[in-house]
Amino acid sequence: MDRIDALDRYDLKSFLHNPLRHEGCPPSYREQVLIPFVNRILAKHRDATVLDLASGVGETGNFLEKSGMKIVRLDISRPSLQKNGGEAIQGFFDNLPVKEEAFDAIHSGGV
């Protein structure tokens, strides 16, 4: 089992739990964190591109997309990334295969 397989909590074969049935972002997080984040970023960058670290099952990335941002999802879970579609990177935070300053902002919640 490689490093990604061992840590992939969305893969039923892993030794961690599988929260794919969880849906929705808590309203308090959306109101207290995401909406102010969106407002700050879009005030500076009309066509903002945001890296959503540990995108999971996609609630936050979907919310950010609906707010008008281009989202690139990063997660260790292939099933999670396939569920969400769009531009995605399977991997870890410690060795991102992206150019420096490729994103206008980075969201990292629940990591």
PDB file of N, CA and C in Angstrom:
ATOM      1  N   MET A   1       0.850  -1.168   0.000  1.00  0.00           N
ATOM      2  CA  MET A   1       0.000   0.000   0.000  1.00  0.00           C
ATOM      3  C   MET A   1       0.899   1.235   0.000  1.00  0.00           C
ATOM      4  N   ASP A   2       0.699   2.117  -0.987  1.00  0.00           N
ATOM      5  CA  ASP A   2       1.539   3.316  -1.032  1.00  0.00           C
ATOM      6  C   ASP A   2       0.978   4.397  -0.102  1.00  0.00           C
ATOM      7  N   ARG A   3       1.689   5.511  -0.020  1.00  0.00           N
ATOM      8  CA  ARG A   3       1.347   6.590   0.908  1.00  0.00           C
ATOM      9  C   ARG A   3      -0.062   7.142   0.667  1.00  0.00           C
ATOM     10  N   ILE A   4      -0.437   7.338  -0.593  1.00  0.00           N
ATOM     11  CA  ILE A   4      -1.762   7.861  -0.895  1.00  0.00           C
ATOM     12  C   ILE A   4      -2.837   6.851  -0.513  1.00  0.00           C
ATOM     13  N   ASP A   5      -2.654   5.576  -0.877  1.00  0.00           N
ATOM     14  CA  ASP A   5      -3.653   4.568  -0.541  1.00  0.00           C
ATOM     15  C   ASP A   5      -3.851   4.455   0.965  1.00  0.00           C
ATOM     16  N   ALA A   6      -2.771   4.549   1.716  1.00  0.00           N
ATOM     17  CA  ALA A   6      -2.853   4.398   3.169  1.00  0.00           C
ATOM     18  C   ALA A   6      -3.620   5.541   3.819  1.00  0.00           C
ATOM     19  N   LEU A   7      -3.550   6.718   3.247  1.00  0.00           N
ATOM     20  CA  LEU A   7      -4.161   7.881   3.866  1.00  0.00           C
ATOM     21  C   LEU A   7      -5.481   8.296   3.234  1.00  0.00           C
ATOM     22  N   ASP A   8      -5.905   7.620   2.184  1.00  0.00           N
ATOM     23  CA  ASP A   8      -7.115   8.016   1.459  1.00  0.00           C
ATOM     24  C   ASP A   8      -8.354   7.621   2.245  1.00  0.00           C
ATOM     25  N   ARG A   9      -8.912   8.583   2.979  1.00  0.00           N
ATOM     26  CA  ARG A   9     -10.067   8.285   3.816  1.00  0.00           C
ATOM     27  C   ARG A   9     -11.357   8.152   3.030  1.00  0.00           C
ATOM     28  N   TYR A  10     -11.341   8.434   1.723  1.00  0.00           N
ATOM     29  CA  TYR A  10     -12.546   8.317   0.904  1.00  0.00           C
ATOM     30  C   TYR A  10     -12.585   7.000   0.140  1.00  0.00           C
ATOM     31  N   ASP A  11     -11.521   6.246   0.225  1.00  0.00           N
ATOM     32  CA  ASP A  11     -11.447   4.968  -0.464  1.00  0.00           C
ATOM     33  C   ASP A  11     -11.886   3.878   0.516  1.00  0.00           C
ATOM     34  N   LEU A  12     -12.891   3.111   0.149  1.00  0.00           N
ATOM     35  CA  LEU A  12     -13.404   2.088   1.062  1.00  0.00           C
ATOM     36  C   LEU A  12     -12.363   1.051   1.434  1.00  0.00           C
ATOM     37  N   LYS A  13     -11.277   0.946   0.665  1.00  0.00           N
ATOM     38  CA  LYS A  13     -10.233  -0.022   0.969  1.00  0.00           C
ATOM     39  C   LYS A  13      -9.269   0.482   2.035  1.00  0.00           C
ATOM     40  N   SER A  14      -9.321   1.763   2.349  1.00  0.00           N
ATOM     41  CA  SER A  14      -8.362   2.311   3.311  1.00  0.00           C
ATOM     42  C   SER A  14      -8.762   1.946   4.732  1.00  0.00           C
ATOM     43  N   PHE A  15      -7.833   2.169   5.643  1.00  0.00           N
ATOM     44  CA  PHE A  15      -8.119   1.819   7.034  1.00  0.00           C
ATOM     45  C   PHE A  15      -8.780   2.967   7.802  1.00  0.00           C
ATOM     46  N   LEU A  16      -9.001   4.094   7.141  1.00  0.00           N
ATOM     47  CA  LEU A  16      -9.696   5.206   7.776  1.00  0.00           C
ATOM     48  C   LEU A  16     -11.168   5.200   7.359  1.00  0.00           C
ATOM     49  N   HIS A  17     -11.969   6.081   7.916  1.00  0.00           N
ATOM     50  CA  HIS A  17     -13.410   6.110   7.621  1.00  0.00           C
ATOM     51  C   HIS A  17     -13.695   6.647   6.218  1.00  0.00           C
ATOM     52  N   ASN A  18     -14.921   6.456   5.782  1.00  0.00           N
ATOM     53  CA  ASN A  18     -15.344   6.919   4.460  1.00  0.00           C
ATOM     54  C   ASN A  18     -16.525   7.865   4.618  1.00  0.00           C
ATOM     55  N   PRO A  19     -16.297   9.203   4.560  1.00  0.00           N
ATOM     56  CA  PRO A  19     -17.385  10.160   4.771  1.00  0.00           C
ATOM     57  C   PRO A  19     -18.081  10.625   3.500  1.00  0.00           C
ATOM     58  N   LEU A  20     -18.059   9.834   2.426  1.00  0.00           N
ATOM     59  CA  LEU A  20     -18.668  10.289   1.176  1.00  0.00           C
ATOM     60  C   LEU A  20     -20.157  10.596   1.321  1.00  0.00           C
ATOM     61  N   ARG A  21     -20.805  10.061   2.323  1.00  0.00           N
ATOM     62  CA  ARG A  21     -22.230  10.317   2.505  1.00  0.00           C
ATOM     63  C   ARG A  21     -22.486  11.687   3.127  1.00  0.00           C
ATOM     64  N   HIS A  22     -21.464  12.272   3.718  1.00  0.00           N
ATOM     65  CA  HIS A  22     -21.615  13.596   4.334  1.00  0.00           C
ATOM     66  C   HIS A  22     -21.886  14.627   3.247  1.00  0.00           C
ATOM     67  N   GLU A  23     -22.887  15.447   3.454  1.00  0.00           N
ATOM     68  CA  GLU A  23     -23.204  16.487   2.478  1.00  0.00           C
ATOM     69  C   GLU A  23     -23.409  17.808   3.190  1.00  0.00           C
ATOM     70  N   GLY A  24     -23.019  18.845   2.526  1.00  0.00           N
ATOM     71  CA  GLY A  24     -23.272  20.183   3.035  1.00  0.00           C
ATOM     72  C   GLY A  24     -22.158  20.751   3.881  1.00  0.00           C
ATOM     73  N   CYS A  25     -22.028  22.033   3.811  1.00  0.00           N
ATOM     74  CA  CYS A  25     -21.037  22.775   4.574  1.00  0.00           C
ATOM     75  C   CYS A  25     -21.779  23.427   5.742  1.00  0.00           C
ATOM     76  N   PRO A  26     -21.258  23.348   6.968  1.00  0.00           N
ATOM     77  CA  PRO A  26     -21.969  23.977   8.090  1.00  0.00           C
ATOM     78  C   PRO A  26     -22.234  25.451   7.817  1.00  0.00           C
ATOM     79  N   PRO A  27     -23.452  25.930   8.068  1.00  0.00           N
ATOM     80  CA  PRO A  27     -23.782  27.329   7.776  1.00  0.00           C
ATOM     81  C   PRO A  27     -22.854  28.317   8.460  1.00  0.00           C
ATOM     82  N   SER A  28     -22.421  28.027   9.679  1.00  0.00           N
ATOM     83  CA  SER A  28     -21.552  28.961  10.382  1.00  0.00           C
ATOM     84  C   SER A  28     -20.210  29.117   9.662  1.00  0.00           C
ATOM     85  N   TYR A  29     -19.655  28.035   9.129  1.00  0.00           N
ATOM     86  CA  TYR A  29     -18.387  28.115   8.393  1.00  0.00           C
ATOM     87  C   TYR A  29     -18.579  28.930   7.117  1.00  0.00           C
ATOM     88  N   ARG A  30     -19.659  28.671   6.437  1.00  0.00           N
ATOM     89  CA  ARG A  30     -19.949  29.403   5.202  1.00  0.00           C
ATOM     90  C   ARG A  30     -20.061  30.902   5.489  1.00  0.00           C
ATOM     91  N   GLU A  31     -20.829  31.248   6.518  1.00  0.00           N
ATOM     92  CA  GLU A  31     -21.065  32.662   6.832  1.00  0.00           C
ATOM     93  C   GLU A  31     -19.848  33.349   7.440  1.00  0.00           C
ATOM     94  N   GLN A  32     -19.145  32.666   8.322  1.00  0.00           N
ATOM     95  CA  GLN A  32     -18.044  33.294   9.044  1.00  0.00           C
ATOM     96  C   GLN A  32     -16.717  33.242   8.302  1.00  0.00           C
ATOM     97  N   VAL A  33     -16.540  32.263   7.431  1.00  0.00           N
ATOM     98  CA  VAL A  33     -15.238  32.092   6.768  1.00  0.00           C
ATOM     99  C   VAL A  33     -15.335  32.245   5.251  1.00  0.00           C
ATOM    100  N   LEU A  34     -16.191  31.456   4.623  1.00  0.00           N
ATOM    101  CA  LEU A  34     -16.200  31.418   3.162  1.00  0.00           C
ATOM    102  C   LEU A  34     -16.683  32.708   2.507  1.00  0.00           C
ATOM    103  N   ILE A  35     -17.769  33.261   2.985  1.00  0.00           N
ATOM    104  CA  ILE A  35     -18.288  34.486   2.362  1.00  0.00           C
ATOM    105  C   ILE A  35     -17.294  35.642   2.488  1.00  0.00           C
ATOM    106  N   PRO A  36     -16.709  35.878   3.675  1.00  0.00           N
ATOM    107  CA  PRO A  36     -15.677  36.924   3.754  1.00  0.00           C
ATOM    108  C   PRO A  36     -14.455  36.616   2.874  1.00  0.00           C
ATOM    109  N   PHE A  37     -14.070  35.341   2.782  1.00  0.00           N
ATOM    110  CA  PHE A  37     -12.950  34.929   1.927  1.00  0.00           C
ATOM    111  C   PHE A  37     -13.258  35.279   0.474  1.00  0.00           C
ATOM    112  N   VAL A  38     -14.433  34.898   0.014  1.00  0.00           N
ATOM    113  CA  VAL A  38     -14.847  35.176  -1.364  1.00  0.00           C
ATOM    114  C   VAL A  38     -14.844  36.683  -1.628  1.00  0.00           C
ATOM    115  N   ASN A  39     -15.424  37.439  -0.720  1.00  0.00           N
ATOM    116  CA  ASN A  39     -15.490  38.887  -0.905  1.00  0.00           C
ATOM    117  C   ASN A  39     -14.110  39.524  -0.996  1.00  0.00           C
ATOM    118  N   ARG A  40     -13.188  39.111  -0.124  1.00  0.00           N
ATOM    119  CA  ARG A  40     -11.821  39.667  -0.151  1.00  0.00           C
ATOM    120  C   ARG A  40     -11.099  39.316  -1.439  1.00  0.00           C
ATOM    121  N   ILE A  41     -11.203  38.058  -1.849  1.00  0.00           N
ATOM    122  CA  ILE A  41     -10.477  37.612  -3.042  1.00  0.00           C
ATOM    123  C   ILE A  41     -11.044  38.261  -4.302  1.00  0.00           C
ATOM    124  N   LEU A  42     -12.365  38.251  -4.451  1.00  0.00           N
ATOM    125  CA  LEU A  42     -12.962  38.812  -5.661  1.00  0.00           C
ATOM    126  C   LEU A  42     -12.808  40.334  -5.729  1.00  0.00           C
ATOM    127  N   ALA A  43     -12.635  40.991  -4.597  1.00  0.00           N
ATOM    128  CA  ALA A  43     -12.384  42.436  -4.600  1.00  0.00           C
ATOM    129  C   ALA A  43     -11.018  42.748  -5.221  1.00  0.00           C
ATOM    130  N   LYS A  44     -10.078  41.808  -5.086  1.00  0.00           N
ATOM    131  CA  LYS A  44      -8.729  42.001  -5.623  1.00  0.00           C
ATOM    132  C   LYS A  44      -8.543  41.367  -6.997  1.00  0.00           C
ATOM    133  N   HIS A  45      -9.219  40.248  -7.233  1.00  0.00           N
ATOM    134  CA  HIS A  45      -9.029  39.466  -8.464  1.00  0.00           C
ATOM    135  C   HIS A  45     -10.397  39.072  -9.024  1.00  0.00           C
ATOM    136  N   ARG A  46     -10.848  39.747 -10.059  1.00  0.00           N
ATOM    137  CA  ARG A  46     -12.165  39.439 -10.633  1.00  0.00           C
ATOM    138  C   ARG A  46     -12.262  38.001 -11.150  1.00  0.00           C
ATOM    139  N   ASP A  47     -11.200  37.505 -11.756  1.00  0.00           N
ATOM    140  CA  ASP A  47     -11.172  36.138 -12.292  1.00  0.00           C
ATOM    141  C   ASP A  47     -10.256  35.270 -11.444  1.00  0.00           C
ATOM    142  N   ALA A  48     -10.513  35.225 -10.155  1.00  0.00           N
ATOM    143  CA  ALA A  48      -9.633  34.530  -9.217  1.00  0.00           C
ATOM    144  C   ALA A  48      -9.581  33.028  -9.488  1.00  0.00           C
ATOM    145  N   THR A  49      -8.367  32.502  -9.383  1.00  0.00           N
ATOM    146  CA  THR A  49      -8.142  31.062  -9.419  1.00  0.00           C
ATOM    147  C   THR A  49      -7.697  30.653  -8.020  1.00  0.00           C
ATOM    148  N   VAL A  50      -8.430  29.704  -7.438  1.00  0.00           N
ATOM    149  CA  VAL A  50      -8.195  29.314  -6.051  1.00  0.00           C
ATOM    150  C   VAL A  50      -7.841  27.835  -5.986  1.00  0.00           C
ATOM    151  N   LEU A  51      -6.804  27.517  -5.221  1.00  0.00           N
ATOM    152  CA  LEU A  51      -6.444  26.133  -4.938  1.00  0.00           C
ATOM    153  C   LEU A  51      -7.179  25.728  -3.673  1.00  0.00           C
ATOM    154  N   ASP A  52      -8.005  24.694  -3.766  1.00  0.00           N
ATOM    155  CA  ASP A  52      -8.758  24.193  -2.618  1.00  0.00           C
ATOM    156  C   ASP A  52      -8.037  22.967  -2.081  1.00  0.00           C
ATOM    157  N   LEU A  53      -7.217  23.177  -1.041  1.00  0.00           N
ATOM    158  CA  LEU A  53      -6.446  22.082  -0.450  1.00  0.00           C
ATOM    159  C   LEU A  53      -7.348  21.161   0.349  1.00  0.00           C
ATOM    160  N   ALA A  54      -7.109  19.878   0.229  1.00  0.00           N
ATOM    161  CA  ALA A  54      -7.919  18.861   0.909  1.00  0.00           C
ATOM    162  C   ALA A  54      -9.389  19.081   0.572  1.00  0.00           C
ATOM    163  N   SER A  55      -9.675  19.092  -0.714  1.00  0.00           N
ATOM    164  CA  SER A  55     -11.011  19.432  -1.202  1.00  0.00           C
ATOM    165  C   SER A  55     -12.087  18.447  -0.778  1.00  0.00           C
ATOM    166  N   GLY A  56     -11.692  17.246  -0.418  1.00  0.00           N
ATOM    167  CA  GLY A  56     -12.661  16.284   0.106  1.00  0.00           C
ATOM    168  C   GLY A  56     -13.801  16.015  -0.848  1.00  0.00           C
ATOM    169  N   VAL A  57     -15.010  15.968  -0.313  1.00  0.00           N
ATOM    170  CA  VAL A  57     -16.176  15.640  -1.135  1.00  0.00           C
ATOM    171  C   VAL A  57     -16.730  16.839  -1.879  1.00  0.00           C
ATOM    172  N   GLY A  58     -16.107  18.001  -1.732  1.00  0.00           N
ATOM    173  CA  GLY A  58     -16.360  19.103  -2.633  1.00  0.00           C
ATOM    174  C   GLY A  58     -17.300  20.211  -2.231  1.00  0.00           C
ATOM    175  N   GLU A  59     -17.834  20.203  -1.009  1.00  0.00           N
ATOM    176  CA  GLU A  59     -18.801  21.246  -0.643  1.00  0.00           C
ATOM    177  C   GLU A  59     -18.209  22.637  -0.782  1.00  0.00           C
ATOM    178  N   THR A  60     -17.007  22.828  -0.248  1.00  0.00           N
ATOM    179  CA  THR A  60     -16.394  24.159  -0.274  1.00  0.00           C
ATOM    180  C   THR A  60     -16.047  24.575  -1.692  1.00  0.00           C
ATOM    181  N   GLY A  61     -15.418  23.693  -2.451  1.00  0.00           N
ATOM    182  CA  GLY A  61     -15.075  24.016  -3.832  1.00  0.00           C
ATOM    183  C   GLY A  61     -16.298  24.363  -4.657  1.00  0.00           C
ATOM    184  N   ASN A  62     -17.380  23.637  -4.452  1.00  0.00           N
ATOM    185  CA  ASN A  62     -18.626  23.932  -5.175  1.00  0.00           C
ATOM    186  C   ASN A  62     -19.155  25.313  -4.803  1.00  0.00           C
ATOM    187  N   PHE A  63     -19.097  25.646  -3.525  1.00  0.00           N
ATOM    188  CA  PHE A  63     -19.544  26.966  -3.078  1.00  0.00           C
ATOM    189  C   PHE A  63     -18.685  28.061  -3.709  1.00  0.00           C
ATOM    190  N   LEU A  64     -17.368  27.862  -3.708  1.00  0.00           N
ATOM    191  CA  LEU A  64     -16.460  28.860  -4.281  1.00  0.00           C
ATOM    192  C   LEU A  64     -16.688  29.014  -5.784  1.00  0.00           C
ATOM    193  N   GLU A  65     -16.934  27.908  -6.475  1.00  0.00           N
ATOM    194  CA  GLU A  65     -17.224  27.977  -7.917  1.00  0.00           C
ATOM    195  C   GLU A  65     -18.501  28.771  -8.183  1.00  0.00           C
ATOM    196  N   LYS A  66     -19.521  28.516  -7.401  1.00  0.00           N
ATOM    197  CA  LYS A  66     -20.791  29.237  -7.568  1.00  0.00           C
ATOM    198  C   LYS A  66     -20.624  30.731  -7.289  1.00  0.00           C
ATOM    199  N   SER A  67     -19.585  31.068  -6.532  1.00  0.00           N
ATOM    200  CA  SER A  67     -19.303  32.479  -6.225  1.00  0.00           C
ATOM    201  C   SER A  67     -18.538  33.162  -7.346  1.00  0.00           C
ATOM    202  N   GLY A  68     -18.155  32.400  -8.376  1.00  0.00           N
ATOM    203  CA  GLY A  68     -17.497  32.987  -9.529  1.00  0.00           C
ATOM    204  C   GLY A  68     -16.006  32.750  -9.619  1.00  0.00           C
ATOM    205  N   MET A  69     -15.470  31.917  -8.779  1.00  0.00           N
ATOM    206  CA  MET A  69     -14.034  31.629  -8.806  1.00  0.00           C
ATOM    207  C   MET A  69     -13.756  30.376  -9.626  1.00  0.00           C
ATOM    208  N   LYS A  70     -12.572  30.317 -10.202  1.00  0.00           N
ATOM    209  CA  LYS A  70     -12.107  29.090 -10.839  1.00  0.00           C
ATOM    210  C   LYS A  70     -11.409  28.286  -9.748  1.00  0.00           C
ATOM    211  N   ILE A  71     -11.800  27.031  -9.589  1.00  0.00           N
ATOM    212  CA  ILE A  71     -11.274  26.202  -8.510  1.00  0.00           C
ATOM    213  C   ILE A  71     -10.434  25.062  -9.072  1.00  0.00           C
ATOM    214  N   VAL A  72      -9.291  24.847  -8.443  1.00  0.00           N
ATOM    215  CA  VAL A  72      -8.475  23.667  -8.698  1.00  0.00           C
ATOM    216  C   VAL A  72      -8.476  22.896  -7.383  1.00  0.00           C
ATOM    217  N   ARG A  73      -8.969  21.678  -7.432  1.00  0.00           N
ATOM    218  CA  ARG A  73      -9.071  20.862  -6.220  1.00  0.00           C
ATOM    219  C   ARG A  73      -7.817  20.018  -6.042  1.00  0.00           C
ATOM    220  N   LEU A  74      -7.345  19.936  -4.807  1.00  0.00           N
ATOM    221  CA  LEU A  74      -6.223  19.066  -4.476  1.00  0.00           C
ATOM    222  C   LEU A  74      -6.646  18.176  -3.320  1.00  0.00           C
ATOM    223  N   ASP A  75      -6.466  16.886  -3.499  1.00  0.00           N
ATOM    224  CA  ASP A  75      -6.797  15.929  -2.449  1.00  0.00           C
ATOM    225  C   ASP A  75      -5.990  14.669  -2.696  1.00  0.00           C
ATOM    226  N   ILE A  76      -5.858  13.851  -1.668  1.00  0.00           N
ATOM    227  CA  ILE A  76      -5.183  12.571  -1.869  1.00  0.00           C
ATOM    228  C   ILE A  76      -6.140  11.524  -2.417  1.00  0.00           C
ATOM    229  N   SER A  77      -7.424  11.813  -2.380  1.00  0.00           N
ATOM    230  CA  SER A  77      -8.439  10.835  -2.744  1.00  0.00           C
ATOM    231  C   SER A  77      -8.842  10.906  -4.209  1.00  0.00           C
ATOM    232  N   ARG A  78      -8.501   9.886  -4.953  1.00  0.00           N
ATOM    233  CA  ARG A  78      -8.924   9.815  -6.356  1.00  0.00           C
ATOM    234  C   ARG A  78     -10.451   9.738  -6.465  1.00  0.00           C
ATOM    235  N   PRO A  79     -11.144   8.890  -5.675  1.00  0.00           N
ATOM    236  CA  PRO A  79     -12.611   8.851  -5.770  1.00  0.00           C
ATOM    237  C   PRO A  79     -13.255  10.209  -5.484  1.00  0.00           C
ATOM    238  N   SER A  80     -12.721  10.929  -4.522  1.00  0.00           N
ATOM    239  CA  SER A  80     -13.266  12.247  -4.213  1.00  0.00           C
ATOM    240  C   SER A  80     -13.088  13.191  -5.388  1.00  0.00           C
ATOM    241  N   LEU A  81     -11.913  13.233  -5.974  1.00  0.00           N
ATOM    242  CA  LEU A  81     -11.645  14.120  -7.103  1.00  0.00           C
ATOM    243  C   LEU A  81     -12.489  13.748  -8.314  1.00  0.00           C
ATOM    244  N   GLN A  82     -12.679  12.459  -8.551  1.00  0.00           N
ATOM    245  CA  GLN A  82     -13.498  12.017  -9.674  1.00  0.00           C
ATOM    246  C   GLN A  82     -14.962  12.396  -9.465  1.00  0.00           C
ATOM    247  N   LYS A  83     -15.421  12.345  -8.225  1.00  0.00           N
ATOM    248  CA  LYS A  83     -16.804  12.709  -7.906  1.00  0.00           C
ATOM    249  C   LYS A  83     -17.058  14.176  -8.232  1.00  0.00           C
ATOM    250  N   ASN A  84     -16.085  15.026  -7.941  1.00  0.00           N
ATOM    251  CA  ASN A  84     -16.262  16.458  -8.115  1.00  0.00           C
ATOM    252  C   ASN A  84     -16.044  16.927  -9.544  1.00  0.00           C
ATOM    253  N   GLY A  85     -15.216  16.256 -10.298  1.00  0.00           N
ATOM    254  CA  GLY A  85     -14.916  16.695 -11.653  1.00  0.00           C
ATOM    255  C   GLY A  85     -14.126  17.992 -11.651  1.00  0.00           C
ATOM    256  N   GLY A  86     -13.982  18.594 -12.798  1.00  0.00           N
ATOM    257  CA  GLY A  86     -13.225  19.839 -12.907  1.00  0.00           C
ATOM    258  C   GLY A  86     -11.733  19.605 -12.818  1.00  0.00           C
ATOM    259  N   GLU A  87     -10.995  20.700 -12.736  1.00  0.00           N
ATOM    260  CA  GLU A  87      -9.539  20.606 -12.665  1.00  0.00           C
ATOM    261  C   GLU A  87      -9.135  20.126 -11.278  1.00  0.00           C
ATOM    262  N   ALA A  88      -8.278  19.113 -11.237  1.00  0.00           N
ATOM    263  CA  ALA A  88      -7.919  18.503  -9.959  1.00  0.00           C
ATOM    264  C   ALA A  88      -6.491  17.986  -9.984  1.00  0.00           C
ATOM    265  N   ILE A  89      -5.922  17.915  -8.794  1.00  0.00           N
ATOM    266  CA  ILE A  89      -4.583  17.385  -8.597  1.00  0.00           C
ATOM    267  C   ILE A  89      -4.666  16.371  -7.468  1.00  0.00           C
ATOM    268  N   GLN A  90      -4.223  15.142  -7.728  1.00  0.00           N
ATOM    269  CA  GLN A  90      -4.152  14.164  -6.649  1.00  0.00           C
ATOM    270  C   GLN A  90      -2.749  14.238  -6.087  1.00  0.00           C
ATOM    271  N   GLY A  91      -2.649  14.483  -4.794  1.00  0.00           N
ATOM    272  CA  GLY A  91      -1.332  14.564  -4.188  1.00  0.00           C
ATOM    273  C   GLY A  91      -1.370  15.113  -2.790  1.00  0.00           C
ATOM    274  N   PHE A  92      -0.183  15.494  -2.323  1.00  0.00           N
ATOM    275  CA  PHE A  92       0.035  16.007  -0.977  1.00  0.00           C
ATOM    276  C   PHE A  92       0.454  17.460  -1.027  1.00  0.00           C
ATOM    277  N   PHE A  93       0.321  18.132   0.094  1.00  0.00           N
ATOM    278  CA  PHE A  93       0.684  19.541   0.178  1.00  0.00           C
ATOM    279  C   PHE A  93       2.186  19.762   0.102  1.00  0.00           C
ATOM    280  N   ASP A  94       2.960  18.784   0.502  1.00  0.00           N
ATOM    281  CA  ASP A  94       4.402  18.989   0.647  1.00  0.00           C
ATOM    282  C   ASP A  94       5.178  18.977  -0.670  1.00  0.00           C
ATOM    283  N   ASN A  95       4.525  18.636  -1.772  1.00  0.00           N
ATOM    284  CA  ASN A  95       5.225  18.602  -3.051  1.00  0.00           C
ATOM    285  C   ASN A  95       4.222  18.891  -4.174  1.00  0.00           C
ATOM    286  N   LEU A  96       3.756  20.133  -4.228  1.00  0.00           N
ATOM    287  CA  LEU A  96       2.738  20.494  -5.214  1.00  0.00           C
ATOM    288  C   LEU A  96       3.347  20.624  -6.612  1.00  0.00           C
ATOM    289  N   PRO A  97       2.727  19.999  -7.593  1.00  0.00           N
ATOM    290  CA  PRO A  97       3.233  20.095  -8.970  1.00  0.00           C
ATOM    291  C   PRO A  97       2.682  21.321  -9.700  1.00  0.00           C
ATOM    292  N   VAL A  98       2.818  22.490  -9.085  1.00  0.00           N
ATOM    293  CA  VAL A  98       2.326  23.730  -9.686  1.00  0.00           C
ATOM    294  C   VAL A  98       3.404  24.798  -9.610  1.00  0.00           C
ATOM    295  N   LYS A  99       3.307  25.768 -10.511  1.00  0.00           N
ATOM    296  CA  LYS A  99       4.259  26.871 -10.515  1.00  0.00           C
ATOM    297  C   LYS A  99       3.974  27.813  -9.347  1.00  0.00           C
ATOM    298  N   GLU A 100       5.030  28.444  -8.865  1.00  0.00           N
ATOM    299  CA  GLU A 100       4.878  29.441  -7.824  1.00  0.00           C
ATOM    300  C   GLU A 100       3.985  30.574  -8.335  1.00  0.00           C
ATOM    301  N   GLU A 101       3.130  31.064  -7.497  1.00  0.00           N
ATOM    302  CA  GLU A 101       2.193  32.139  -7.818  1.00  0.00           C
ATOM    303  C   GLU A 101       1.195  31.754  -8.916  1.00  0.00           C
ATOM    304  N   ALA A 102       0.848  30.467  -9.003  1.00  0.00           N
ATOM    305  CA  ALA A 102      -0.127  29.994  -9.992  1.00  0.00           C
ATOM    306  C   ALA A 102      -1.553  30.301  -9.565  1.00  0.00           C
ATOM    307  N   PHE A 103      -1.763  30.628  -8.286  1.00  0.00           N
ATOM    308  CA  PHE A 103      -3.108  30.842  -7.751  1.00  0.00           C
ATOM    309  C   PHE A 103      -3.209  32.221  -7.106  1.00  0.00           C
ATOM    310  N   ASP A 104      -4.403  32.778  -7.165  1.00  0.00           N
ATOM    311  CA  ASP A 104      -4.655  34.056  -6.512  1.00  0.00           C
ATOM    312  C   ASP A 104      -4.889  33.865  -5.009  1.00  0.00           C
ATOM    313  N   ALA A 105      -5.376  32.697  -4.636  1.00  0.00           N
ATOM    314  CA  ALA A 105      -5.640  32.403  -3.228  1.00  0.00           C
ATOM    315  C   ALA A 105      -5.636  30.895  -3.022  1.00  0.00           C
ATOM    316  N   ILE A 106      -5.499  30.521  -1.765  1.00  0.00           N
ATOM    317  CA  ILE A 106      -5.551  29.100  -1.370  1.00  0.00           C
ATOM    318  C   ILE A 106      -6.547  28.983  -0.239  1.00  0.00           C
ATOM    319  N   HIS A 107      -7.459  28.021  -0.369  1.00  0.00           N
ATOM    320  CA  HIS A 107      -8.394  27.716   0.724  1.00  0.00           C
ATOM    321  C   HIS A 107      -7.971  26.395   1.323  1.00  0.00           C
ATOM    322  N   SER A 108      -7.911  26.356   2.639  1.00  0.00           N
ATOM    323  CA  SER A 108      -7.574  25.122   3.341  1.00  0.00           C
ATOM    324  C   SER A 108      -8.418  25.060   4.600  1.00  0.00           C
ATOM    325  N   GLY A 109      -9.483  24.326   4.555  1.00  0.00           N
ATOM    326  CA  GLY A 109     -10.357  24.214   5.717  1.00  0.00           C
ATOM    327  C   GLY A 109     -10.477  22.775   6.154  1.00  0.00           C
ATOM    328  N   GLY A 110     -10.497  22.548   7.433  1.00  0.00           N
ATOM    329  CA  GLY A 110     -10.657  21.192   7.958  1.00  0.00           C
ATOM    330  C   GLY A 110      -9.486  20.283   7.667  1.00  0.00           C
ATOM    331  N   VAL A 111      -8.315  20.859   7.556  1.00  0.00           N
ATOM    332  CA  VAL A 111      -7.119  20.059   7.244  1.00  0.00           C
ATOM    333  C   VAL A 111      -6.358  19.779   8.505  1.00  0.00           C
TER     334      VAL A 111
END
